[in-house]
Amino acid sequence: MEIYLILRIAIVGILVSILNHILKQTGRDELAFMTSLAGLVLVLFWLLPHLVELITTMEDLFSMV
């Protein structure tokens, strides 16, 4: 896994946390929730190819036994 991917995930987490805090302070809880959900979906899309590779590797590993 690249360090670039880890840094991108950390930056998204920090930005979502800051936006979530600001939106909750202004009373916009629905937008805060949507921001958190959008951040989660974005990170999951970034991780999806790596998860598929992990599952494929696990299948290959256990099919050899």
PDB file of N, CA and C in Angstrom:
ATOM      1  N   MET A   1       0.845  -1.173   0.000  1.00  0.00           N
ATOM      2  CA  MET A   1       0.000   0.000   0.000  1.00  0.00           C
ATOM      3  C   MET A   1       0.891   1.237   0.000  1.00  0.00           C
ATOM      4  N   GLU A   2       0.524   2.166  -0.789  1.00  0.00           N
ATOM      5  CA  GLU A   2       1.333   3.369  -0.924  1.00  0.00           C
ATOM      6  C   GLU A   2       1.113   4.311   0.255  1.00  0.00           C
ATOM      7  N   ILE A   3       2.134   5.056   0.584  1.00  0.00           N
ATOM      8  CA  ILE A   3       2.019   6.064   1.638  1.00  0.00           C
ATOM      9  C   ILE A   3       1.094   7.188   1.187  1.00  0.00           C
ATOM     10  N   TYR A   4       1.030   7.400  -0.138  1.00  0.00           N
ATOM     11  CA  TYR A   4       0.169   8.441  -0.688  1.00  0.00           C
ATOM     12  C   TYR A   4      -1.297   8.175  -0.352  1.00  0.00           C
ATOM     13  N   LEU A   5      -1.703   6.928  -0.431  1.00  0.00           N
ATOM     14  CA  LEU A   5      -3.087   6.564  -0.110  1.00  0.00           C
ATOM     15  C   LEU A   5      -3.380   6.812   1.364  1.00  0.00           C
ATOM     16  N   ILE A   6      -2.460   6.462   2.218  1.00  0.00           N
ATOM     17  CA  ILE A   6      -2.643   6.678   3.653  1.00  0.00           C
ATOM     18  C   ILE A   6      -2.745   8.164   3.963  1.00  0.00           C
ATOM     19  N   LEU A   7      -1.927   8.962   3.314  1.00  0.00           N
ATOM     20  CA  LEU A   7      -1.990  10.408   3.531  1.00  0.00           C
ATOM     21  C   LEU A   7      -3.304  11.002   3.032  1.00  0.00           C
ATOM     22  N   ARG A   8      -3.790  10.516   1.896  1.00  0.00           N
ATOM     23  CA  ARG A   8      -5.071  11.011   1.381  1.00  0.00           C
ATOM     24  C   ARG A   8      -6.214  10.689   2.337  1.00  0.00           C
ATOM     25  N   ILE A   9      -6.196   9.478   2.896  1.00  0.00           N
ATOM     26  CA  ILE A   9      -7.237   9.087   3.840  1.00  0.00           C
ATOM     27  C   ILE A   9      -7.165   9.945   5.093  1.00  0.00           C
ATOM     28  N   ALA A  10      -5.954  10.210   5.567  1.00  0.00           N
ATOM     29  CA  ALA A  10      -5.800  11.054   6.757  1.00  0.00           C
ATOM     30  C   ALA A  10      -6.290  12.468   6.500  1.00  0.00           C
ATOM     31  N   ILE A  11      -5.977  13.014   5.332  1.00  0.00           N
ATOM     32  CA  ILE A  11      -6.415  14.377   4.999  1.00  0.00           C
ATOM     33  C   ILE A  11      -7.939  14.442   4.908  1.00  0.00           C
ATOM     34  N   VAL A  12      -8.552  13.446   4.288  1.00  0.00           N
ATOM     35  CA  VAL A  12     -10.015  13.424   4.208  1.00  0.00           C
ATOM     36  C   VAL A  12     -10.617  13.329   5.607  1.00  0.00           C
ATOM     37  N   GLY A  13     -10.021  12.515   6.466  1.00  0.00           N
ATOM     38  CA  GLY A  13     -10.519  12.395   7.833  1.00  0.00           C
ATOM     39  C   GLY A  13     -10.444  13.703   8.590  1.00  0.00           C
ATOM     40  N   ILE A  14      -9.342  14.414   8.443  1.00  0.00           N
ATOM     41  CA  ILE A  14      -9.188  15.703   9.117  1.00  0.00           C
ATOM     42  C   ILE A  14     -10.195  16.721   8.580  1.00  0.00           C
ATOM     43  N   LEU A  15     -10.333  16.792   7.261  1.00  0.00           N
ATOM     44  CA  LEU A  15     -11.273  17.744   6.668  1.00  0.00           C
ATOM     45  C   LEU A  15     -12.718  17.440   7.051  1.00  0.00           C
ATOM     46  N   VAL A  16     -13.084  16.173   7.036  1.00  0.00           N
ATOM     47  CA  VAL A  16     -14.446  15.793   7.409  1.00  0.00           C
ATOM     48  C   VAL A  16     -14.691  16.119   8.874  1.00  0.00           C
ATOM     49  N   SER A  17     -13.707  15.884   9.712  1.00  0.00           N
ATOM     50  CA  SER A  17     -13.857  16.194  11.132  1.00  0.00           C
ATOM     51  C   SER A  17     -14.054  17.690  11.364  1.00  0.00           C
ATOM     52  N   ILE A  18     -13.275  18.510  10.688  1.00  0.00           N
ATOM     53  CA  ILE A  18     -13.404  19.961  10.831  1.00  0.00           C
ATOM     54  C   ILE A  18     -14.762  20.443  10.314  1.00  0.00           C
ATOM     55  N   LEU A  19     -15.147  19.966   9.126  1.00  0.00           N
ATOM     56  CA  LEU A  19     -16.452  20.354   8.578  1.00  0.00           C
ATOM     57  C   LEU A  19     -17.599  19.879   9.464  1.00  0.00           C
ATOM     58  N   ASN A  20     -17.469  18.678   9.990  1.00  0.00           N
ATOM     59  CA  ASN A  20     -18.502  18.138  10.869  1.00  0.00           C
ATOM     60  C   ASN A  20     -18.659  19.007  12.116  1.00  0.00           C
ATOM     61  N   HIS A  21     -17.568  19.412  12.692  1.00  0.00           N
ATOM     62  CA  HIS A  21     -17.604  20.259  13.886  1.00  0.00           C
ATOM     63  C   HIS A  21     -18.229  21.624  13.575  1.00  0.00           C
ATOM     64  N   ILE A  22     -17.826  22.226  12.481  1.00  0.00           N
ATOM     65  CA  ILE A  22     -18.363  23.541  12.104  1.00  0.00           C
ATOM     66  C   ILE A  22     -19.860  23.453  11.823  1.00  0.00           C
ATOM     67  N   LEU A  23     -20.274  22.429  11.084  1.00  0.00           N
ATOM     68  CA  LEU A  23     -21.687  22.297  10.744  1.00  0.00           C
ATOM     69  C   LEU A  23     -22.543  22.009  11.970  1.00  0.00           C
ATOM     70  N   LYS A  24     -22.031  21.230  12.913  1.00  0.00           N
ATOM     71  CA  LYS A  24     -22.797  20.973  14.134  1.00  0.00           C
ATOM     72  C   LYS A  24     -22.908  22.225  14.996  1.00  0.00           C
ATOM     73  N   GLN A  25     -21.882  23.053  14.998  1.00  0.00           N
ATOM     74  CA  GLN A  25     -21.930  24.292  15.779  1.00  0.00           C
ATOM     75  C   GLN A  25     -22.969  25.261  15.214  1.00  0.00           C
ATOM     76  N   THR A  26     -23.163  25.229  13.904  1.00  0.00           N
ATOM     77  CA  THR A  26     -24.143  26.126  13.284  1.00  0.00           C
ATOM     78  C   THR A  26     -25.544  25.528  13.262  1.00  0.00           C
ATOM     79  N   GLY A  27     -25.704  24.315  13.787  1.00  0.00           N
ATOM     80  CA  GLY A  27     -27.026  23.710  13.867  1.00  0.00           C
ATOM     81  C   GLY A  27     -27.461  22.966  12.624  1.00  0.00           C
ATOM     82  N   ARG A  28     -26.547  22.644  11.773  1.00  0.00           N
ATOM     83  CA  ARG A  28     -26.881  21.918  10.545  1.00  0.00           C
ATOM     84  C   ARG A  28     -26.430  20.463  10.675  1.00  0.00           C
ATOM     85  N   ASP A  29     -27.125  19.740  11.529  1.00  0.00           N
ATOM     86  CA  ASP A  29     -26.748  18.364  11.815  1.00  0.00           C
ATOM     87  C   ASP A  29     -26.915  17.445  10.603  1.00  0.00           C
ATOM     88  N   GLU A  30     -27.921  17.719   9.777  1.00  0.00           N
ATOM     89  CA  GLU A  30     -28.131  16.876   8.597  1.00  0.00           C
ATOM     90  C   GLU A  30     -26.969  16.998   7.627  1.00  0.00           C
ATOM     91  N   LEU A  31     -26.485  18.219   7.416  1.00  0.00           N
ATOM     92  CA  LEU A  31     -25.344  18.404   6.528  1.00  0.00           C
ATOM     93  C   LEU A  31     -24.074  17.804   7.120  1.00  0.00           C
ATOM     94  N   ALA A  32     -23.948  17.847   8.434  1.00  0.00           N
ATOM     95  CA  ALA A  32     -22.791  17.237   9.091  1.00  0.00           C
ATOM     96  C   ALA A  32     -22.798  15.731   8.863  1.00  0.00           C
ATOM     97  N   PHE A  33     -23.973  15.125   8.979  1.00  0.00           N
ATOM     98  CA  PHE A  33     -24.081  13.691   8.732  1.00  0.00           C
ATOM     99  C   PHE A  33     -23.771  13.353   7.281  1.00  0.00           C
ATOM    100  N   MET A  34     -24.298  14.151   6.362  1.00  0.00           N
ATOM    101  CA  MET A  34     -24.041  13.900   4.937  1.00  0.00           C
ATOM    102  C   MET A  34     -22.563  14.069   4.596  1.00  0.00           C
ATOM    103  N   THR A  35     -21.897  15.017   5.240  1.00  0.00           N
ATOM    104  CA  THR A  35     -20.470  15.210   5.020  1.00  0.00           C
ATOM    105  C   THR A  35     -19.684  13.991   5.499  1.00  0.00           C
ATOM    106  N   SER A  36     -20.042  13.483   6.649  1.00  0.00           N
ATOM    107  CA  SER A  36     -19.376  12.288   7.172  1.00  0.00           C
ATOM    108  C   SER A  36     -19.608  11.088   6.265  1.00  0.00           C
ATOM    109  N   LEU A  37     -20.836  10.954   5.800  1.00  0.00           N
ATOM    110  CA  LEU A  37     -21.163   9.847   4.905  1.00  0.00           C
ATOM    111  C   LEU A  37     -20.418   9.957   3.581  1.00  0.00           C
ATOM    112  N   ALA A  38     -20.321  11.155   3.039  1.00  0.00           N
ATOM    113  CA  ALA A  38     -19.594  11.356   1.780  1.00  0.00           C
ATOM    114  C   ALA A  38     -18.110  11.049   1.949  1.00  0.00           C
ATOM    115  N   GLY A  39     -17.534  11.436   3.074  1.00  0.00           N
ATOM    116  CA  GLY A  39     -16.132  11.123   3.338  1.00  0.00           C
ATOM    117  C   GLY A  39     -15.907   9.628   3.437  1.00  0.00           C
ATOM    118  N   LEU A  40     -16.820   8.928   4.103  1.00  0.00           N
ATOM    119  CA  LEU A  40     -16.707   7.476   4.229  1.00  0.00           C
ATOM    120  C   LEU A  40     -16.802   6.792   2.874  1.00  0.00           C
ATOM    121  N   VAL A  41     -17.753   7.209   2.052  1.00  0.00           N
ATOM    122  CA  VAL A  41     -17.925   6.604   0.725  1.00  0.00           C
ATOM    123  C   VAL A  41     -16.696   6.871  -0.145  1.00  0.00           C
ATOM    124  N   LEU A  42     -16.159   8.070  -0.074  1.00  0.00           N
ATOM    125  CA  LEU A  42     -14.966   8.407  -0.850  1.00  0.00           C
ATOM    126  C   LEU A  42     -13.793   7.519  -0.476  1.00  0.00           C
ATOM    127  N   VAL A  43     -13.568   7.341   0.810  1.00  0.00           N
ATOM    128  CA  VAL A  43     -12.453   6.508   1.267  1.00  0.00           C
ATOM    129  C   VAL A  43     -12.687   5.046   0.892  1.00  0.00           C
ATOM    130  N   LEU A  44     -13.929   4.578   0.981  1.00  0.00           N
ATOM    131  CA  LEU A  44     -14.203   3.193   0.596  1.00  0.00           C
ATOM    132  C   LEU A  44     -13.957   2.960  -0.893  1.00  0.00           C
ATOM    133  N   PHE A  45     -14.273   3.954  -1.730  1.00  0.00           N
ATOM    134  CA  PHE A  45     -13.978   3.811  -3.156  1.00  0.00           C
ATOM    135  C   PHE A  45     -12.481   3.758  -3.411  1.00  0.00           C
ATOM    136  N   TRP A  46     -11.702   4.500  -2.632  1.00  0.00           N
ATOM    137  CA  TRP A  46     -10.250   4.449  -2.773  1.00  0.00           C
ATOM    138  C   TRP A  46      -9.694   3.101  -2.326  1.00  0.00           C
ATOM    139  N   LEU A  47     -10.314   2.503  -1.313  1.00  0.00           N
ATOM    140  CA  LEU A  47      -9.816   1.243  -0.772  1.00  0.00           C
ATOM    141  C   LEU A  47     -10.329   0.017  -1.513  1.00  0.00           C
ATOM    142  N   LEU A  48     -11.350   0.173  -2.314  1.00  0.00           N
ATOM    143  CA  LEU A  48     -11.974  -0.959  -2.988  1.00  0.00           C
ATOM    144  C   LEU A  48     -10.994  -1.805  -3.816  1.00  0.00           C
ATOM    145  N   PRO A  49     -10.130  -1.223  -4.646  1.00  0.00           N
ATOM    146  CA  PRO A  49      -9.194  -2.071  -5.400  1.00  0.00           C
ATOM    147  C   PRO A  49      -8.249  -2.858  -4.493  1.00  0.00           C
ATOM    148  N   HIS A  50      -7.847  -2.281  -3.387  1.00  0.00           N
ATOM    149  CA  HIS A  50      -6.951  -2.973  -2.470  1.00  0.00           C
ATOM    150  C   HIS A  50      -7.671  -4.106  -1.746  1.00  0.00           C
ATOM    151  N   LEU A  51      -8.948  -3.900  -1.432  1.00  0.00           N
ATOM    152  CA  LEU A  51      -9.717  -4.963  -0.798  1.00  0.00           C
ATOM    153  C   LEU A  51      -9.952  -6.127  -1.754  1.00  0.00           C
ATOM    154  N   VAL A  52     -10.198  -5.826  -3.009  1.00  0.00           N
ATOM    155  CA  VAL A  52     -10.369  -6.885  -4.009  1.00  0.00           C
ATOM    156  C   VAL A  52      -9.074  -7.673  -4.163  1.00  0.00           C
ATOM    157  N   GLU A  53      -7.951  -6.981  -4.180  1.00  0.00           N
ATOM    158  CA  GLU A  53      -6.651  -7.652  -4.275  1.00  0.00           C
ATOM    159  C   GLU A  53      -6.404  -8.539  -3.053  1.00  0.00           C
ATOM    160  N   LEU A  54      -6.777  -8.064  -1.873  1.00  0.00           N
ATOM    161  CA  LEU A  54      -6.620  -8.854  -0.650  1.00  0.00           C
ATOM    162  C   LEU A  54      -7.466 -10.115  -0.701  1.00  0.00           C
ATOM    163  N   ILE A  55      -8.703  -9.995  -1.132  1.00  0.00           N
ATOM    164  CA  ILE A  55      -9.594 -11.158  -1.201  1.00  0.00           C
ATOM    165  C   ILE A  55      -9.079 -12.154  -2.225  1.00  0.00           C
ATOM    166  N   THR A  56      -8.599 -11.678  -3.360  1.00  0.00           N
ATOM    167  CA  THR A  56      -8.048 -12.561  -4.386  1.00  0.00           C
ATOM    168  C   THR A  56      -6.817 -13.292  -3.865  1.00  0.00           C
ATOM    169  N   THR A  57      -5.961 -12.595  -3.165  1.00  0.00           N
ATOM    170  CA  THR A  57      -4.770 -13.218  -2.594  1.00  0.00           C
ATOM    171  C   THR A  57      -5.147 -14.281  -1.566  1.00  0.00           C
ATOM    172  N   MET A  58      -6.158 -13.982  -0.745  1.00  0.00           N
ATOM    173  CA  MET A  58      -6.593 -14.962   0.242  1.00  0.00           C
ATOM    174  C   MET A  58      -7.179 -16.202  -0.426  1.00  0.00           C
ATOM    175  N   GLU A  59      -7.950 -16.005  -1.494  1.00  0.00           N
ATOM    176  CA  GLU A  59      -8.510 -17.153  -2.214  1.00  0.00           C
ATOM    177  C   GLU A  59      -7.397 -17.992  -2.816  1.00  0.00           C
ATOM    178  N   ASP A  60      -6.396 -17.363  -3.403  1.00  0.00           N
ATOM    179  CA  ASP A  60      -5.281 -18.092  -3.984  1.00  0.00           C
ATOM    180  C   ASP A  60      -4.493 -18.846  -2.911  1.00  0.00           C
ATOM    181  N   LEU A  61      -4.316 -18.219  -1.784  1.00  0.00           N
ATOM    182  CA  LEU A  61      -3.569 -18.830  -0.681  1.00  0.00           C
ATOM    183  C   LEU A  61      -4.271 -20.078  -0.177  1.00  0.00           C
ATOM    184  N   PHE A  62      -5.579 -20.003   0.035  1.00  0.00           N
ATOM    185  CA  PHE A  62      -6.299 -21.153   0.573  1.00  0.00           C
ATOM    186  C   PHE A  62      -6.614 -22.210  -0.477  1.00  0.00           C
ATOM    187  N   SER A  63      -6.561 -21.864  -1.739  1.00  0.00           N
ATOM    188  CA  SER A  63      -6.789 -22.874  -2.774  1.00  0.00           C
ATOM    189  C   SER A  63      -5.548 -23.745  -2.977  1.00  0.00           C
ATOM    190  N   MET A  64      -4.395 -23.259  -2.533  1.00  0.00           N
ATOM    191  CA  MET A  64      -3.156 -24.025  -2.662  1.00  0.00           C
ATOM    192  C   MET A  64      -3.054 -25.115  -1.599  1.00  0.00           C
ATOM    193  N   VAL A  65      -3.770 -24.961  -0.523  1.00  0.00           N
ATOM    194  CA  VAL A  65      -3.652 -25.922   0.593  1.00  0.00           C
ATOM    195  C   VAL A  65      -4.397 -27.181   0.314  1.00  0.00           C
TER     196      VAL A  65
END
